[in-house]
């Protein structure tokens, strides 16, 4: 009997110290995402009537009654300023379909909607950065690199004078 009591006490102490840990990894929000909402999965962008899925890194938009998921904005919104536009953080979605309440979202957050002030998670890249990194090919070189530029190994310390006596 004494062994049973000791076993029960030991078992109870194990359960008393057990902790349940649930780690939900939503994904890394984009730098243009609103600061302070790292656990949110979906944003609604009222200005362009589009959703963004943080987990899948995809924009979701209505295309003639069919919901499309793409990693880029639709062509007619490619110039949209994601850093400047307002992002509504959604909590009323079901599963993988934030558009379940699309009519409600459009009514509550019409084009031009601005709620409380938002700060982005990161800074907007400047135009020079965008231009320098926009046209990279698979080798990491710019498509618009000058043809006379050397693309070989650097020979640091060597004299690189060029005589044009051809």
C-alpha atoms as a PDB file:
ATOM      1  CA  UNK A   1       0.000   0.000   0.000  1.00  0.00           C
ATOM      2  CA  UNK A   2       2.854   2.333   0.859  1.00  0.00           C
ATOM      3  CA  UNK A   3       4.367   1.804  -2.604  1.00  0.00           C
ATOM      4  CA  UNK A   4       1.075   2.768  -4.265  1.00  0.00           C
ATOM      5  CA  UNK A   5       0.880   6.005  -2.276  1.00  0.00           C
ATOM      6  CA  UNK A   6       4.474   6.895  -3.134  1.00  0.00           C
ATOM      7  CA  UNK A   7       3.853   6.096  -6.829  1.00  0.00           C
ATOM      8  CA  UNK A   8       0.715   8.255  -6.853  1.00  0.00           C
ATOM      9  CA  UNK A   9       2.543  11.145  -5.192  1.00  0.00           C
ATOM     10  CA  UNK A  10       5.366  10.856  -7.710  1.00  0.00           C
ATOM     11  CA  UNK A  11       2.888  10.757 -10.587  1.00  0.00           C
ATOM     12  CA  UNK A  12       1.003  13.776  -9.223  1.00  0.00           C
ATOM     13  CA  UNK A  13       4.210  15.796  -8.933  1.00  0.00           C
ATOM     14  CA  UNK A  14       5.061  15.023 -12.550  1.00  0.00           C
ATOM     15  CA  UNK A  15       1.630  16.289 -13.696  1.00  0.00           C
ATOM     16  CA  UNK A  16       1.893  19.329 -11.440  1.00  0.00           C
ATOM     17  CA  UNK A  17       5.124  20.361 -13.162  1.00  0.00           C
ATOM     18  CA  UNK A  18       3.987  19.546 -16.673  1.00  0.00           C
ATOM     19  CA  UNK A  19       3.452  22.558 -18.890  1.00  0.00           C
ATOM     20  CA  UNK A  20       1.510  22.755 -22.081  1.00  0.00           C
ATOM     21  CA  UNK A  21       3.252  24.902 -24.642  1.00  0.00           C
ATOM     22  CA  UNK A  22       1.568  25.841 -27.895  1.00  0.00           C
ATOM     23  CA  UNK A  23       3.709  27.694 -30.364  1.00  0.00           C
ATOM     24  CA  UNK A  24       1.831  29.103 -33.340  1.00  0.00           C
ATOM     25  CA  UNK A  25       4.221  30.342 -35.982  1.00  0.00           C
ATOM     26  CA  UNK A  26       2.231  32.683 -38.215  1.00  0.00           C
ATOM     27  CA  UNK A  27       5.149  33.740 -40.385  1.00  0.00           C
ATOM     28  CA  UNK A  28       7.291  36.817 -40.684  1.00  0.00           C
ATOM     29  CA  UNK A  29       5.165  39.842 -41.513  1.00  0.00           C
ATOM     30  CA  UNK A  30       6.398  42.048 -44.362  1.00  0.00           C
ATOM     31  CA  UNK A  31       8.311  45.227 -43.541  1.00  0.00           C
ATOM     32  CA  UNK A  32       5.306  47.225 -44.818  1.00  0.00           C
ATOM     33  CA  UNK A  33       3.020  45.408 -42.349  1.00  0.00           C
ATOM     34  CA  UNK A  34       1.663  47.254 -39.301  1.00  0.00           C
ATOM     35  CA  UNK A  35       3.906  47.250 -36.253  1.00  0.00           C
ATOM     36  CA  UNK A  36       2.657  45.368 -33.187  1.00  0.00           C
ATOM     37  CA  UNK A  37       0.677  42.673 -34.995  1.00  0.00           C
ATOM     38  CA  UNK A  38       3.277  39.949 -35.503  1.00  0.00           C
ATOM     39  CA  UNK A  39       0.760  37.212 -34.609  1.00  0.00           C
ATOM     40  CA  UNK A  40      -1.797  38.258 -37.221  1.00  0.00           C
ATOM     41  CA  UNK A  41      -2.329  36.176 -40.319  1.00  0.00           C
ATOM     42  CA  UNK A  42      -4.371  38.474 -42.595  1.00  0.00           C
ATOM     43  CA  UNK A  43      -4.483  42.153 -43.492  1.00  0.00           C
ATOM     44  CA  UNK A  44      -7.187  43.847 -45.501  1.00  0.00           C
ATOM     45  CA  UNK A  45      -6.017  46.696 -47.742  1.00  0.00           C
ATOM     46  CA  UNK A  46      -9.141  48.882 -48.205  1.00  0.00           C
ATOM     47  CA  UNK A  47      -7.645  51.179 -50.851  1.00  0.00           C
ATOM     48  CA  UNK A  48      -7.245  48.287 -53.282  1.00  0.00           C
ATOM     49  CA  UNK A  49      -9.860  45.871 -51.858  1.00  0.00           C
ATOM     50  CA  UNK A  50      -7.235  43.163 -51.408  1.00  0.00           C
ATOM     51  CA  UNK A  51      -6.193  40.809 -48.609  1.00  0.00           C
ATOM     52  CA  UNK A  52      -2.669  39.778 -47.650  1.00  0.00           C
ATOM     53  CA  UNK A  53      -1.857  36.370 -46.153  1.00  0.00           C
ATOM     54  CA  UNK A  54       1.236  36.716 -43.944  1.00  0.00           C
ATOM     55  CA  UNK A  55       1.740  32.947 -43.667  1.00  0.00           C
ATOM     56  CA  UNK A  56       1.661  32.291 -47.407  1.00  0.00           C
ATOM     57  CA  UNK A  57       3.144  35.678 -48.387  1.00  0.00           C
ATOM     58  CA  UNK A  58       0.335  36.110 -50.915  1.00  0.00           C
ATOM     59  CA  UNK A  59      -2.139  38.765 -51.947  1.00  0.00           C
ATOM     60  CA  UNK A  60      -5.741  37.581 -52.274  1.00  0.00           C
ATOM     61  CA  UNK A  61      -8.128  39.467 -54.532  1.00  0.00           C
ATOM     62  CA  UNK A  62     -11.404  39.019 -56.352  1.00  0.00           C
ATOM     63  CA  UNK A  63     -11.089  38.442 -60.075  1.00  0.00           C
ATOM     64  CA  UNK A  64     -14.596  38.355 -61.580  1.00  0.00           C
ATOM     65  CA  UNK A  65     -16.071  36.406 -58.679  1.00  0.00           C
ATOM     66  CA  UNK A  66     -13.067  34.114 -58.222  1.00  0.00           C
ATOM     67  CA  UNK A  67     -10.582  34.618 -55.376  1.00  0.00           C
ATOM     68  CA  UNK A  68      -6.997  34.605 -56.664  1.00  0.00           C
ATOM     69  CA  UNK A  69      -3.825  34.154 -54.581  1.00  0.00           C
ATOM     70  CA  UNK A  70      -0.566  35.577 -55.937  1.00  0.00           C
ATOM     71  CA  UNK A  71       2.767  36.656 -54.514  1.00  0.00           C
ATOM     72  CA  UNK A  72       2.430  39.961 -56.410  1.00  0.00           C
ATOM     73  CA  UNK A  73      -0.322  42.517 -56.505  1.00  0.00           C
ATOM     74  CA  UNK A  74      -2.620  42.450 -59.536  1.00  0.00           C
ATOM     75  CA  UNK A  75      -1.149  44.407 -62.454  1.00  0.00           C
ATOM     76  CA  UNK A  76      -3.522  47.350 -62.008  1.00  0.00           C
ATOM     77  CA  UNK A  77      -2.222  47.849 -58.421  1.00  0.00           C
ATOM     78  CA  UNK A  78       1.520  47.234 -58.911  1.00  0.00           C
ATOM     79  CA  UNK A  79       2.248  50.921 -58.304  1.00  0.00           C
ATOM     80  CA  UNK A  80       0.286  50.931 -55.015  1.00  0.00           C
ATOM     81  CA  UNK A  81       2.347  52.120 -52.029  1.00  0.00           C
ATOM     82  CA  UNK A  82       2.101  49.290 -49.485  1.00  0.00           C
ATOM     83  CA  UNK A  83       4.048  51.379 -46.964  1.00  0.00           C
ATOM     84  CA  UNK A  84       1.696  54.340 -47.243  1.00  0.00           C
ATOM     85  CA  UNK A  85      -1.612  52.494 -47.465  1.00  0.00           C
ATOM     86  CA  UNK A  86      -3.683  51.572 -44.437  1.00  0.00           C
ATOM     87  CA  UNK A  87      -3.724  47.929 -43.336  1.00  0.00           C
ATOM     88  CA  UNK A  88      -6.687  46.534 -41.384  1.00  0.00           C
ATOM     89  CA  UNK A  89      -5.585  43.599 -39.220  1.00  0.00           C
ATOM     90  CA  UNK A  90      -8.294  40.934 -39.429  1.00  0.00           C
ATOM     91  CA  UNK A  91      -9.487  38.677 -36.639  1.00  0.00           C
ATOM     92  CA  UNK A  92     -12.825  37.552 -38.089  1.00  0.00           C
ATOM     93  CA  UNK A  93     -11.689  35.108 -40.748  1.00  0.00           C
ATOM     94  CA  UNK A  94     -12.324  31.389 -41.071  1.00  0.00           C
ATOM     95  CA  UNK A  95      -9.400  29.115 -41.924  1.00  0.00           C
ATOM     96  CA  UNK A  96      -7.786  30.097 -45.182  1.00  0.00           C
ATOM     97  CA  UNK A  97     -10.603  32.379 -46.352  1.00  0.00           C
ATOM     98  CA  UNK A  98     -10.371  35.949 -45.026  1.00  0.00           C
ATOM     99  CA  UNK A  99     -12.879  36.949 -47.712  1.00  0.00           C
ATOM    100  CA  UNK A 100     -15.691  35.041 -45.939  1.00  0.00           C
ATOM    101  CA  UNK A 101     -16.836  38.429 -44.608  1.00  0.00           C
ATOM    102  CA  UNK A 102     -15.790  40.456 -47.657  1.00  0.00           C
ATOM    103  CA  UNK A 103     -19.049  42.433 -47.857  1.00  0.00           C
ATOM    104  CA  UNK A 104     -18.673  43.368 -44.201  1.00  0.00           C
ATOM    105  CA  UNK A 105     -15.026  44.381 -44.701  1.00  0.00           C
ATOM    106  CA  UNK A 106     -15.887  46.578 -47.692  1.00  0.00           C
ATOM    107  CA  UNK A 107     -18.688  48.274 -45.730  1.00  0.00           C
ATOM    108  CA  UNK A 108     -16.661  48.832 -42.531  1.00  0.00           C
ATOM    109  CA  UNK A 109     -13.394  49.747 -44.279  1.00  0.00           C
ATOM    110  CA  UNK A 110     -14.202  51.572 -47.537  1.00  0.00           C
ATOM    111  CA  UNK A 111     -11.565  52.859 -49.929  1.00  0.00           C
ATOM    112  CA  UNK A 112      -9.647  55.657 -48.195  1.00  0.00           C
ATOM    113  CA  UNK A 113     -10.338  54.265 -44.695  1.00  0.00           C
ATOM    114  CA  UNK A 114      -7.856  55.209 -41.980  1.00  0.00           C
ATOM    115  CA  UNK A 115      -8.296  53.965 -38.429  1.00  0.00           C
ATOM    116  CA  UNK A 116      -5.904  54.721 -35.617  1.00  0.00           C
ATOM    117  CA  UNK A 117      -2.398  55.754 -36.745  1.00  0.00           C
ATOM    118  CA  UNK A 118      -0.122  52.926 -37.846  1.00  0.00           C
ATOM    119  CA  UNK A 119       3.614  52.473 -38.011  1.00  0.00           C
ATOM    120  CA  UNK A 120       5.151  50.006 -40.412  1.00  0.00           C
ATOM    121  CA  UNK A 121       7.403  47.223 -39.137  1.00  0.00           C
ATOM    122  CA  UNK A 122      10.235  48.480 -41.342  1.00  0.00           C
ATOM    123  CA  UNK A 123      11.297  51.461 -43.372  1.00  0.00           C
ATOM    124  CA  UNK A 124      10.307  51.982 -46.962  1.00  0.00           C
ATOM    125  CA  UNK A 125      13.238  51.238 -49.266  1.00  0.00           C
ATOM    126  CA  UNK A 126      14.414  54.342 -51.079  1.00  0.00           C
ATOM    127  CA  UNK A 127      14.059  54.584 -54.843  1.00  0.00           C
ATOM    128  CA  UNK A 128      17.782  54.069 -55.502  1.00  0.00           C
ATOM    129  CA  UNK A 129      17.718  50.774 -53.560  1.00  0.00           C
ATOM    130  CA  UNK A 130      14.699  49.568 -55.530  1.00  0.00           C
ATOM    131  CA  UNK A 131      16.255  50.475 -58.880  1.00  0.00           C
ATOM    132  CA  UNK A 132      19.570  48.787 -58.011  1.00  0.00           C
ATOM    133  CA  UNK A 133      17.881  45.567 -56.900  1.00  0.00           C
ATOM    134  CA  UNK A 134      14.945  45.431 -59.285  1.00  0.00           C
ATOM    135  CA  UNK A 135      16.586  43.790 -62.256  1.00  0.00           C
ATOM    136  CA  UNK A 136      18.882  41.187 -60.704  1.00  0.00           C
ATOM    137  CA  UNK A 137      19.380  38.039 -62.711  1.00  0.00           C
ATOM    138  CA  UNK A 138      20.057  34.594 -61.257  1.00  0.00           C
ATOM    139  CA  UNK A 139      23.808  35.291 -60.996  1.00  0.00           C
ATOM    140  CA  UNK A 140      23.167  38.332 -58.829  1.00  0.00           C
ATOM    141  CA  UNK A 141      24.215  40.699 -61.595  1.00  0.00           C
ATOM    142  CA  UNK A 142      22.052  43.520 -62.765  1.00  0.00           C
ATOM    143  CA  UNK A 143      20.502  43.090 -66.201  1.00  0.00           C
ATOM    144  CA  UNK A 144      21.416  46.680 -66.891  1.00  0.00           C
ATOM    145  CA  UNK A 145      25.103  46.261 -66.005  1.00  0.00           C
ATOM    146  CA  UNK A 146      27.335  48.108 -68.413  1.00  0.00           C
ATOM    147  CA  UNK A 147      28.825  45.688 -70.978  1.00  0.00           C
ATOM    148  CA  UNK A 148      32.344  47.077 -70.441  1.00  0.00           C
ATOM    149  CA  UNK A 149      32.281  46.222 -66.736  1.00  0.00           C
ATOM    150  CA  UNK A 150      34.353  43.248 -65.691  1.00  0.00           C
ATOM    151  CA  UNK A 151      32.363  40.353 -64.274  1.00  0.00           C
ATOM    152  CA  UNK A 152      35.359  38.149 -63.499  1.00  0.00           C
ATOM    153  CA  UNK A 153      37.345  37.715 -60.323  1.00  0.00           C
ATOM    154  CA  UNK A 154      38.882  40.750 -58.758  1.00  0.00           C
ATOM    155  CA  UNK A 155      42.670  40.885 -58.837  1.00  0.00           C
ATOM    156  CA  UNK A 156      43.199  43.203 -55.909  1.00  0.00           C
ATOM    157  CA  UNK A 157      46.601  44.695 -55.689  1.00  0.00           C
ATOM    158  CA  UNK A 158      47.367  44.325 -59.408  1.00  0.00           C
ATOM    159  CA  UNK A 159      47.828  47.267 -61.714  1.00  0.00           C
ATOM    160  CA  UNK A 160      44.725  47.564 -63.906  1.00  0.00           C
ATOM    161  CA  UNK A 161      45.826  50.197 -66.411  1.00  0.00           C
ATOM    162  CA  UNK A 162      44.382  49.770 -69.873  1.00  0.00           C
ATOM    163  CA  UNK A 163      46.182  50.998 -72.938  1.00  0.00           C
ATOM    164  CA  UNK A 164      43.953  51.434 -75.957  1.00  0.00           C
ATOM    165  CA  UNK A 165      46.598  50.931 -78.627  1.00  0.00           C
ATOM    166  CA  UNK A 166      44.652  48.430 -80.722  1.00  0.00           C
END
